[in-house]
Amino acid sequence: MAEDPPAGRERTYVAVIGAGNASAAEKEAAEHIGALLGERGVVVVCGGLGGVMEAACRGAQSRGGTAVGLLPGRDRAVGNSYLTVALPTGMGELRNGLVVAACDAVIAVGGSWGTLSEISLAMRTGKPTVVLDSWELRPARPAAVGMPTTADSAEEAVELALRMADGGSGQGAAG
């Protein structure tokens, strides 16, 4: 069960991003990530719809965690049923910037074009970013930009993201 953070400490927010039309393996990984985050009292932030987003919220809820969805449209009812908080933005895909801005770290599971945009925004703004079976990126100028950290499991993704959210490793670069 999720516990309140110690007095004087704000809760950590981690975005779990990935495709709405995710594979069964991606949904399984996302649900496990959500559960691991939920049992640690971490707020899960996502785009609020199906696939990876819904699976992460289901995992968080199963452990008493909080799941916040920033929805693309103006209707709360389209959010997945595992959201604790559904926030309609009316911004469509542009909400991806809000998802990134609202979190302390990002975990990408699989993904499509929207996921790639969120990874890019996270890296551009210096948000710690961990990828699990997601985009394989190769920068044109490696020394000029940070790159996401790759994880081999849901457990490793959570550990890396939380360590980096607490300042354990600088990543990404605004520039």
N, C-alpha and C. Protein backbone atom coordinates (compact mmCIF):
# COMPACT_ATOMS: atom_id res chain seq x y z
N MET A 1 0.83 -1.18 0.00
CA MET A 1 0.00 0.00 0.00
C MET A 1 0.88 1.25 0.00
N ALA A 2 0.52 2.23 -0.78
CA ALA A 2 1.29 3.47 -0.87
C ALA A 2 1.19 4.25 0.44
N GLU A 3 2.32 4.84 0.81
CA GLU A 3 2.35 5.65 2.03
C GLU A 3 2.54 7.10 1.67
N ASP A 4 2.11 7.99 2.58
CA ASP A 4 2.35 9.41 2.38
C ASP A 4 3.85 9.67 2.51
N PRO A 5 4.34 10.67 1.79
CA PRO A 5 5.77 10.98 1.90
C PRO A 5 6.07 11.55 3.28
N PRO A 6 7.33 11.44 3.71
CA PRO A 6 7.71 12.01 5.00
C PRO A 6 7.42 13.51 5.02
N ALA A 7 7.20 14.06 6.21
CA ALA A 7 6.94 15.49 6.36
C ALA A 7 8.06 16.28 5.70
N GLY A 8 7.69 17.31 4.97
CA GLY A 8 8.67 18.16 4.32
C GLY A 8 9.16 17.65 2.98
N ARG A 9 8.71 16.49 2.54
CA ARG A 9 9.17 15.95 1.26
C ARG A 9 7.98 15.80 0.31
N GLU A 10 8.14 16.33 -0.85
CA GLU A 10 7.11 16.24 -1.89
C GLU A 10 7.16 14.85 -2.52
N ARG A 11 6.03 14.37 -2.96
CA ARG A 11 6.00 13.08 -3.66
C ARG A 11 6.70 13.18 -5.00
N THR A 12 7.22 12.07 -5.47
CA THR A 12 7.86 11.98 -6.77
C THR A 12 6.79 11.65 -7.81
N TYR A 13 6.90 12.28 -8.98
CA TYR A 13 5.99 12.03 -10.10
C TYR A 13 6.80 11.43 -11.23
N VAL A 14 6.36 10.27 -11.74
CA VAL A 14 7.03 9.62 -12.86
C VAL A 14 6.02 9.40 -13.97
N ALA A 15 6.35 9.89 -15.16
CA ALA A 15 5.51 9.65 -16.33
C ALA A 15 5.84 8.28 -16.89
N VAL A 16 4.81 7.50 -17.16
CA VAL A 16 4.97 6.23 -17.87
C VAL A 16 4.30 6.43 -19.22
N ILE A 17 5.13 6.38 -20.27
CA ILE A 17 4.65 6.70 -21.61
C ILE A 17 4.79 5.49 -22.53
N GLY A 18 3.96 5.44 -23.54
CA GLY A 18 4.00 4.36 -24.52
C GLY A 18 2.74 4.39 -25.36
N ALA A 19 2.68 3.50 -26.29
CA ALA A 19 1.60 3.49 -27.28
C ALA A 19 0.25 3.09 -26.69
N GLY A 20 -0.79 3.69 -27.24
CA GLY A 20 -2.15 3.30 -26.90
C GLY A 20 -2.49 1.93 -27.46
N ASN A 21 -1.84 1.57 -28.56
CA ASN A 21 -2.06 0.25 -29.17
C ASN A 21 -0.87 -0.66 -28.88
N ALA A 22 -0.51 -0.77 -27.62
CA ALA A 22 0.66 -1.52 -27.17
C ALA A 22 0.47 -3.02 -27.31
N SER A 23 1.60 -3.71 -27.37
CA SER A 23 1.58 -5.18 -27.41
C SER A 23 1.28 -5.71 -26.01
N ALA A 24 0.97 -7.00 -25.94
CA ALA A 24 0.70 -7.63 -24.65
C ALA A 24 1.93 -7.53 -23.74
N ALA A 25 3.13 -7.72 -24.28
CA ALA A 25 4.35 -7.64 -23.48
C ALA A 25 4.58 -6.22 -22.96
N GLU A 26 4.30 -5.22 -23.78
CA GLU A 26 4.45 -3.82 -23.35
C GLU A 26 3.46 -3.50 -22.24
N LYS A 27 2.22 -3.96 -22.39
CA LYS A 27 1.22 -3.71 -21.34
C LYS A 27 1.59 -4.40 -20.04
N GLU A 28 2.12 -5.61 -20.13
CA GLU A 28 2.54 -6.34 -18.94
C GLU A 28 3.67 -5.59 -18.23
N ALA A 29 4.66 -5.12 -18.99
CA ALA A 29 5.77 -4.36 -18.40
C ALA A 29 5.26 -3.07 -17.77
N ALA A 30 4.37 -2.36 -18.47
CA ALA A 30 3.84 -1.10 -17.95
C ALA A 30 3.04 -1.31 -16.67
N GLU A 31 2.26 -2.37 -16.62
CA GLU A 31 1.49 -2.65 -15.41
C GLU A 31 2.43 -2.94 -14.23
N HIS A 32 3.48 -3.69 -14.49
CA HIS A 32 4.44 -3.99 -13.43
C HIS A 32 5.15 -2.71 -12.97
N ILE A 33 5.51 -1.85 -13.90
CA ILE A 33 6.13 -0.57 -13.56
C ILE A 33 5.17 0.27 -12.71
N GLY A 34 3.91 0.34 -13.13
CA GLY A 34 2.92 1.09 -12.37
C GLY A 34 2.76 0.56 -10.95
N ALA A 35 2.77 -0.77 -10.81
CA ALA A 35 2.64 -1.38 -9.48
C ALA A 35 3.85 -1.05 -8.61
N LEU A 36 5.05 -1.15 -9.18
CA LEU A 36 6.26 -0.83 -8.42
C LEU A 36 6.27 0.63 -7.98
N LEU A 37 5.83 1.52 -8.86
CA LEU A 37 5.76 2.94 -8.52
C LEU A 37 4.68 3.19 -7.47
N GLY A 38 3.52 2.56 -7.66
CA GLY A 38 2.40 2.75 -6.74
C GLY A 38 2.73 2.31 -5.33
N GLU A 39 3.43 1.19 -5.19
CA GLU A 39 3.74 0.71 -3.83
C GLU A 39 4.78 1.58 -3.14
N ARG A 40 5.48 2.41 -3.90
CA ARG A 40 6.46 3.34 -3.32
C ARG A 40 5.88 4.74 -3.12
N GLY A 41 4.59 4.90 -3.41
CA GLY A 41 3.95 6.20 -3.20
C GLY A 41 4.25 7.21 -4.29
N VAL A 42 4.78 6.74 -5.42
CA VAL A 42 5.09 7.62 -6.55
C VAL A 42 3.81 7.88 -7.33
N VAL A 43 3.59 9.12 -7.75
CA VAL A 43 2.45 9.46 -8.59
C VAL A 43 2.79 9.10 -10.04
N VAL A 44 1.94 8.29 -10.65
CA VAL A 44 2.11 7.92 -12.05
C VAL A 44 1.37 8.95 -12.90
N VAL A 45 2.09 9.52 -13.87
CA VAL A 45 1.52 10.49 -14.80
C VAL A 45 1.54 9.86 -16.18
N CYS A 46 0.46 10.07 -16.95
CA CYS A 46 0.40 9.51 -18.30
C CYS A 46 -0.57 10.32 -19.15
N GLY A 47 -0.74 9.87 -20.38
CA GLY A 47 -1.68 10.52 -21.30
C GLY A 47 -3.12 10.11 -21.08
N GLY A 48 -3.37 9.20 -20.14
CA GLY A 48 -4.72 8.90 -19.69
C GLY A 48 -5.57 7.98 -20.52
N LEU A 49 -5.05 7.47 -21.63
CA LEU A 49 -5.87 6.63 -22.50
C LEU A 49 -5.53 5.15 -22.27
N GLY A 50 -5.54 4.34 -23.35
CA GLY A 50 -5.36 2.89 -23.23
C GLY A 50 -3.92 2.44 -23.39
N GLY A 51 -3.75 1.15 -23.65
CA GLY A 51 -2.44 0.57 -23.89
C GLY A 51 -1.51 0.69 -22.70
N VAL A 52 -0.29 1.20 -22.95
CA VAL A 52 0.70 1.37 -21.88
C VAL A 52 0.16 2.26 -20.78
N MET A 53 -0.55 3.32 -21.16
CA MET A 53 -1.06 4.27 -20.18
C MET A 53 -2.03 3.59 -19.22
N GLU A 54 -2.99 2.87 -19.76
CA GLU A 54 -3.98 2.18 -18.92
C GLU A 54 -3.32 1.11 -18.06
N ALA A 55 -2.39 0.37 -18.63
CA ALA A 55 -1.72 -0.69 -17.88
C ALA A 55 -0.94 -0.12 -16.70
N ALA A 56 -0.22 0.98 -16.92
CA ALA A 56 0.53 1.61 -15.82
C ALA A 56 -0.42 2.09 -14.72
N CYS A 57 -1.53 2.65 -15.11
CA CYS A 57 -2.52 3.12 -14.12
C CYS A 57 -3.13 1.95 -13.36
N ARG A 58 -3.40 0.86 -14.06
CA ARG A 58 -3.95 -0.34 -13.42
C ARG A 58 -2.96 -0.86 -12.37
N GLY A 59 -1.68 -0.90 -12.73
CA GLY A 59 -0.66 -1.35 -11.80
C GLY A 59 -0.57 -0.45 -10.58
N ALA A 60 -0.56 0.86 -10.81
CA ALA A 60 -0.48 1.81 -9.70
C ALA A 60 -1.68 1.65 -8.78
N GLN A 61 -2.87 1.57 -9.35
CA GLN A 61 -4.08 1.44 -8.55
C GLN A 61 -4.07 0.14 -7.74
N SER A 62 -3.52 -0.93 -8.32
CA SER A 62 -3.50 -2.22 -7.62
C SER A 62 -2.67 -2.18 -6.34
N ARG A 63 -1.79 -1.18 -6.23
CA ARG A 63 -0.95 -1.04 -5.05
C ARG A 63 -1.30 0.21 -4.24
N GLY A 64 -2.49 0.76 -4.48
CA GLY A 64 -2.95 1.91 -3.73
C GLY A 64 -2.31 3.21 -4.16
N GLY A 65 -1.73 3.23 -5.34
CA GLY A 65 -1.06 4.42 -5.84
C GLY A 65 -2.00 5.40 -6.51
N THR A 66 -1.44 6.51 -6.95
CA THR A 66 -2.17 7.58 -7.61
C THR A 66 -1.78 7.62 -9.08
N ALA A 67 -2.77 7.70 -9.96
CA ALA A 67 -2.53 7.77 -11.39
C ALA A 67 -3.24 9.00 -11.97
N VAL A 68 -2.45 9.88 -12.59
CA VAL A 68 -2.97 11.11 -13.17
C VAL A 68 -2.88 11.01 -14.69
N GLY A 69 -3.99 11.29 -15.36
CA GLY A 69 -4.01 11.26 -16.82
C GLY A 69 -4.29 12.63 -17.39
N LEU A 70 -3.40 13.09 -18.27
CA LEU A 70 -3.59 14.35 -18.99
C LEU A 70 -4.17 13.99 -20.36
N LEU A 71 -5.46 14.16 -20.49
CA LEU A 71 -6.20 13.68 -21.66
C LEU A 71 -6.08 14.64 -22.84
N PRO A 72 -6.12 14.10 -24.07
CA PRO A 72 -5.97 14.95 -25.24
C PRO A 72 -7.18 15.84 -25.51
N GLY A 73 -8.37 15.37 -25.18
CA GLY A 73 -9.58 16.11 -25.48
C GLY A 73 -10.13 16.86 -24.28
N ARG A 74 -11.43 17.16 -24.37
CA ARG A 74 -12.08 17.94 -23.32
C ARG A 74 -13.03 17.11 -22.45
N ASP A 75 -13.05 15.80 -22.66
CA ASP A 75 -14.00 14.93 -21.98
C ASP A 75 -13.29 13.99 -21.02
N ARG A 76 -13.55 14.15 -19.72
CA ARG A 76 -12.96 13.26 -18.72
C ARG A 76 -13.36 11.81 -18.91
N ALA A 77 -14.54 11.59 -19.46
CA ALA A 77 -15.08 10.24 -19.59
C ALA A 77 -14.27 9.35 -20.51
N VAL A 78 -13.43 9.92 -21.37
CA VAL A 78 -12.64 9.08 -22.28
C VAL A 78 -11.39 8.52 -21.61
N GLY A 79 -11.06 9.00 -20.41
CA GLY A 79 -9.90 8.50 -19.70
C GLY A 79 -10.11 7.06 -19.28
N ASN A 80 -9.00 6.33 -19.11
CA ASN A 80 -9.13 4.93 -18.70
C ASN A 80 -9.70 4.84 -17.28
N SER A 81 -10.26 3.70 -16.98
CA SER A 81 -10.99 3.54 -15.71
C SER A 81 -10.09 3.40 -14.49
N TYR A 82 -8.79 3.40 -14.66
CA TYR A 82 -7.86 3.26 -13.53
C TYR A 82 -7.26 4.58 -13.09
N LEU A 83 -7.67 5.67 -13.71
CA LEU A 83 -7.15 6.98 -13.34
C LEU A 83 -7.72 7.42 -12.00
N THR A 84 -6.86 7.98 -11.16
CA THR A 84 -7.28 8.61 -9.92
C THR A 84 -7.77 10.02 -10.24
N VAL A 85 -7.04 10.68 -11.15
CA VAL A 85 -7.35 12.04 -11.57
C VAL A 85 -7.29 12.09 -13.09
N ALA A 86 -8.38 12.54 -13.72
CA ALA A 86 -8.43 12.70 -15.17
C ALA A 86 -8.53 14.19 -15.49
N LEU A 87 -7.54 14.72 -16.21
CA LEU A 87 -7.50 16.14 -16.53
C LEU A 87 -7.60 16.35 -18.03
N PRO A 88 -8.75 16.80 -18.52
CA PRO A 88 -8.87 17.08 -19.95
C PRO A 88 -8.09 18.35 -20.31
N THR A 89 -7.32 18.27 -21.38
CA THR A 89 -6.50 19.43 -21.77
C THR A 89 -7.03 20.14 -23.01
N GLY A 90 -7.76 19.42 -23.88
CA GLY A 90 -8.20 20.01 -25.13
C GLY A 90 -7.05 20.31 -26.07
N MET A 91 -5.89 19.71 -25.83
CA MET A 91 -4.69 20.03 -26.60
C MET A 91 -4.26 18.94 -27.58
N GLY A 92 -4.99 17.84 -27.67
CA GLY A 92 -4.57 16.77 -28.56
C GLY A 92 -3.19 16.26 -28.21
N GLU A 93 -2.38 15.98 -29.23
CA GLU A 93 -1.02 15.47 -29.01
C GLU A 93 -0.13 16.48 -28.32
N LEU A 94 -0.47 17.74 -28.36
CA LEU A 94 0.35 18.75 -27.69
C LEU A 94 0.40 18.54 -26.18
N ARG A 95 -0.52 17.75 -25.65
CA ARG A 95 -0.49 17.45 -24.22
C ARG A 95 0.76 16.70 -23.83
N ASN A 96 1.47 16.12 -24.80
CA ASN A 96 2.69 15.39 -24.48
C ASN A 96 3.68 16.27 -23.73
N GLY A 97 3.72 17.55 -24.08
CA GLY A 97 4.58 18.48 -23.36
C GLY A 97 4.16 18.65 -21.91
N LEU A 98 2.86 18.61 -21.66
CA LEU A 98 2.36 18.71 -20.29
C LEU A 98 2.70 17.47 -19.48
N VAL A 99 2.61 16.30 -20.11
CA VAL A 99 2.96 15.05 -19.43
C VAL A 99 4.41 15.12 -18.96
N VAL A 100 5.29 15.55 -19.84
CA VAL A 100 6.72 15.66 -19.51
C VAL A 100 6.94 16.73 -18.44
N ALA A 101 6.29 17.87 -18.59
CA ALA A 101 6.50 18.96 -17.64
C ALA A 101 6.02 18.60 -16.23
N ALA A 102 5.03 17.74 -16.13
CA ALA A 102 4.43 17.41 -14.83
C ALA A 102 5.23 16.39 -14.02
N CYS A 103 6.25 15.80 -14.61
CA CYS A 103 6.94 14.70 -13.93
C CYS A 103 8.37 15.04 -13.54
N ASP A 104 8.93 14.18 -12.69
CA ASP A 104 10.32 14.28 -12.28
C ASP A 104 11.22 13.37 -13.09
N ALA A 105 10.65 12.34 -13.70
CA ALA A 105 11.37 11.39 -14.54
C ALA A 105 10.37 10.74 -15.48
N VAL A 106 10.88 10.15 -16.56
CA VAL A 106 10.04 9.52 -17.58
C VAL A 106 10.51 8.08 -17.78
N ILE A 107 9.55 7.16 -17.88
CA ILE A 107 9.84 5.79 -18.29
C ILE A 107 9.02 5.52 -19.55
N ALA A 108 9.72 5.21 -20.65
CA ALA A 108 9.05 4.87 -21.92
C ALA A 108 9.05 3.36 -22.07
N VAL A 109 7.87 2.82 -22.37
CA VAL A 109 7.72 1.39 -22.62
C VAL A 109 7.21 1.24 -24.05
N GLY A 110 8.03 0.62 -24.91
CA GLY A 110 7.64 0.48 -26.30
C GLY A 110 7.38 1.86 -26.89
N GLY A 111 6.36 1.96 -27.69
CA GLY A 111 5.95 3.28 -28.13
C GLY A 111 5.82 3.47 -29.62
N SER A 112 5.19 4.57 -29.95
CA SER A 112 5.01 4.98 -31.33
C SER A 112 5.45 6.44 -31.44
N TRP A 113 4.92 7.16 -32.42
CA TRP A 113 5.38 8.53 -32.66
C TRP A 113 5.14 9.46 -31.48
N GLY A 114 4.01 9.33 -30.81
CA GLY A 114 3.75 10.17 -29.65
C GLY A 114 4.76 9.93 -28.55
N THR A 115 5.14 8.66 -28.36
CA THR A 115 6.15 8.31 -27.36
C THR A 115 7.49 8.94 -27.73
N LEU A 116 7.83 8.89 -29.00
CA LEU A 116 9.09 9.50 -29.45
C LEU A 116 9.08 11.00 -29.17
N SER A 117 7.94 11.65 -29.39
CA SER A 117 7.89 13.09 -29.11
C SER A 117 8.08 13.36 -27.62
N GLU A 118 7.52 12.52 -26.77
CA GLU A 118 7.68 12.70 -25.32
C GLU A 118 9.12 12.45 -24.89
N ILE A 119 9.76 11.44 -25.46
CA ILE A 119 11.17 11.19 -25.16
C ILE A 119 11.99 12.41 -25.56
N SER A 120 11.73 12.94 -26.75
CA SER A 120 12.47 14.12 -27.23
C SER A 120 12.26 15.32 -26.32
N LEU A 121 11.02 15.57 -25.93
CA LEU A 121 10.74 16.70 -25.03
C LEU A 121 11.42 16.51 -23.68
N ALA A 122 11.40 15.28 -23.19
CA ALA A 122 12.04 15.00 -21.90
C ALA A 122 13.55 15.25 -21.98
N MET A 123 14.16 14.77 -23.03
CA MET A 123 15.60 14.96 -23.18
C MET A 123 15.93 16.44 -23.37
N ARG A 124 15.13 17.11 -24.14
CA ARG A 124 15.36 18.54 -24.42
C ARG A 124 15.28 19.38 -23.14
N THR A 125 14.40 18.98 -22.24
CA THR A 125 14.20 19.76 -21.00
C THR A 125 14.98 19.20 -19.82
N GLY A 126 15.82 18.19 -20.07
CA GLY A 126 16.68 17.66 -19.01
C GLY A 126 15.99 16.73 -18.03
N LYS A 127 14.85 16.17 -18.41
CA LYS A 127 14.17 15.22 -17.53
C LYS A 127 14.85 13.85 -17.63
N PRO A 128 15.16 13.23 -16.52
CA PRO A 128 15.71 11.87 -16.56
C PRO A 128 14.75 10.96 -17.32
N THR A 129 15.30 10.20 -18.26
CA THR A 129 14.47 9.38 -19.15
C THR A 129 15.04 7.98 -19.25
N VAL A 130 14.19 7.00 -19.01
CA VAL A 130 14.57 5.59 -19.10
C VAL A 130 13.69 4.94 -20.16
N VAL A 131 14.30 4.15 -21.03
CA VAL A 131 13.54 3.45 -22.06
C VAL A 131 13.63 1.94 -21.85
N LEU A 132 12.50 1.27 -22.03
CA LEU A 132 12.41 -0.18 -21.91
C LEU A 132 11.78 -0.69 -23.19
N ASP A 133 12.54 -1.40 -23.99
CA ASP A 133 12.04 -1.92 -25.27
C ASP A 133 11.37 -0.81 -26.08
N SER A 134 12.03 0.32 -26.14
CA SER A 134 11.48 1.49 -26.82
C SER A 134 12.39 1.90 -27.96
N TRP A 135 12.29 3.13 -28.37
CA TRP A 135 13.06 3.66 -29.47
C TRP A 135 14.56 3.51 -29.23
N GLU A 136 15.28 3.11 -30.27
CA GLU A 136 16.74 3.08 -30.25
C GLU A 136 17.20 4.33 -30.98
N LEU A 137 17.77 5.25 -30.24
CA LEU A 137 18.12 6.55 -30.79
C LEU A 137 19.63 6.67 -30.98
N ARG A 138 20.01 7.36 -32.05
CA ARG A 138 21.42 7.63 -32.32
C ARG A 138 21.52 9.08 -32.75
N PRO A 139 22.08 9.93 -31.89
CA PRO A 139 22.15 11.35 -32.23
C PRO A 139 23.17 11.62 -33.34
N ALA A 140 22.90 12.66 -34.12
CA ALA A 140 23.82 13.06 -35.17
C ALA A 140 25.11 13.60 -34.56
N ARG A 141 25.00 14.27 -33.40
CA ARG A 141 26.16 14.83 -32.70
C ARG A 141 26.14 14.33 -31.25
N PRO A 142 26.66 13.14 -30.99
CA PRO A 142 26.55 12.54 -29.66
C PRO A 142 27.02 13.42 -28.51
N ALA A 143 28.06 14.20 -28.69
CA ALA A 143 28.56 15.00 -27.58
C ALA A 143 27.65 16.18 -27.26
N ALA A 144 26.75 16.51 -28.18
CA ALA A 144 25.91 17.70 -28.02
C ALA A 144 24.64 17.45 -27.22
N VAL A 145 24.22 16.20 -27.10
CA VAL A 145 22.95 15.92 -26.43
C VAL A 145 23.07 14.73 -25.49
N GLY A 146 22.24 14.72 -24.47
CA GLY A 146 22.14 13.56 -23.61
C GLY A 146 21.28 12.51 -24.31
N MET A 147 21.35 11.30 -23.83
CA MET A 147 20.55 10.22 -24.39
C MET A 147 19.79 9.52 -23.27
N PRO A 148 18.65 8.92 -23.61
CA PRO A 148 17.91 8.18 -22.59
C PRO A 148 18.75 7.00 -22.07
N THR A 149 18.47 6.60 -20.86
CA THR A 149 19.11 5.43 -20.27
C THR A 149 18.26 4.21 -20.62
N THR A 150 18.90 3.14 -21.02
CA THR A 150 18.19 1.91 -21.38
C THR A 150 18.11 0.97 -20.19
N ALA A 151 16.94 0.41 -19.96
CA ALA A 151 16.73 -0.59 -18.91
C ALA A 151 16.41 -1.93 -19.56
N ASP A 152 16.76 -3.00 -18.87
CA ASP A 152 16.50 -4.34 -19.37
C ASP A 152 15.27 -4.99 -18.74
N SER A 153 14.69 -4.34 -17.70
CA SER A 153 13.52 -4.91 -17.03
C SER A 153 12.70 -3.78 -16.41
N ALA A 154 11.48 -4.12 -16.04
CA ALA A 154 10.61 -3.15 -15.37
C ALA A 154 11.24 -2.70 -14.05
N GLU A 155 11.80 -3.64 -13.31
CA GLU A 155 12.42 -3.30 -12.03
C GLU A 155 13.58 -2.33 -12.22
N GLU A 156 14.42 -2.61 -13.20
CA GLU A 156 15.56 -1.74 -13.46
C GLU A 156 15.09 -0.35 -13.92
N ALA A 157 14.06 -0.31 -14.75
CA ALA A 157 13.53 0.98 -15.22
C ALA A 157 13.08 1.84 -14.05
N VAL A 158 12.36 1.25 -13.10
CA VAL A 158 11.88 1.98 -11.94
C VAL A 158 13.05 2.44 -11.07
N GLU A 159 13.99 1.56 -10.80
CA GLU A 159 15.14 1.93 -9.97
C GLU A 159 15.93 3.07 -10.59
N LEU A 160 16.20 2.98 -11.89
CA LEU A 160 16.95 4.04 -12.58
C LEU A 160 16.19 5.36 -12.55
N ALA A 161 14.91 5.31 -12.88
CA ALA A 161 14.11 6.54 -12.93
C ALA A 161 14.06 7.22 -11.56
N LEU A 162 13.84 6.44 -10.51
CA LEU A 162 13.75 7.03 -9.18
C LEU A 162 15.10 7.56 -8.71
N ARG A 163 16.16 6.85 -9.00
CA ARG A 163 17.50 7.34 -8.63
C ARG A 163 17.80 8.65 -9.36
N MET A 164 17.49 8.71 -10.64
CA MET A 164 17.76 9.93 -11.41
C MET A 164 16.84 11.07 -11.00
N ALA A 165 15.59 10.76 -10.65
CA ALA A 165 14.66 11.80 -10.21
C ALA A 165 15.15 12.45 -8.92
N ASP A 166 15.87 11.68 -8.11
CA ASP A 166 16.43 12.19 -6.86
C ASP A 166 17.80 12.83 -7.06
N GLY A 167 18.20 13.02 -8.31
CA GLY A 167 19.46 13.70 -8.59
C GLY A 167 20.66 12.79 -8.66
N GLY A 168 20.44 11.48 -8.80
CA GLY A 168 21.55 10.54 -8.83
C GLY A 168 22.34 10.54 -10.12
N SER A 169 21.80 11.11 -11.19
CA SER A 169 22.52 11.10 -12.46
C SER A 169 21.95 12.20 -13.35
N GLY A 170 22.79 13.05 -13.84
CA GLY A 170 22.31 14.09 -14.76
C GLY A 170 22.06 13.49 -16.12
N GLN A 171 20.98 13.85 -16.75
CA GLN A 171 20.66 13.35 -18.06
C GLN A 171 19.89 14.36 -18.86
N GLY A 172 19.99 14.26 -20.11
CA GLY A 172 19.29 15.21 -20.98
C GLY A 172 19.98 16.55 -20.93
N ALA A 173 19.69 17.36 -21.90
CA ALA A 173 20.31 18.69 -21.92
C ALA A 173 19.45 19.63 -22.72
N ALA A 174 19.12 20.74 -22.12
CA ALA A 174 18.46 21.79 -22.89
C ALA A 174 19.53 22.48 -23.69
N GLY A 175 19.25 22.75 -24.91
CA GLY A 175 20.30 23.39 -25.69
C GLY A 175 19.86 23.85 -27.01
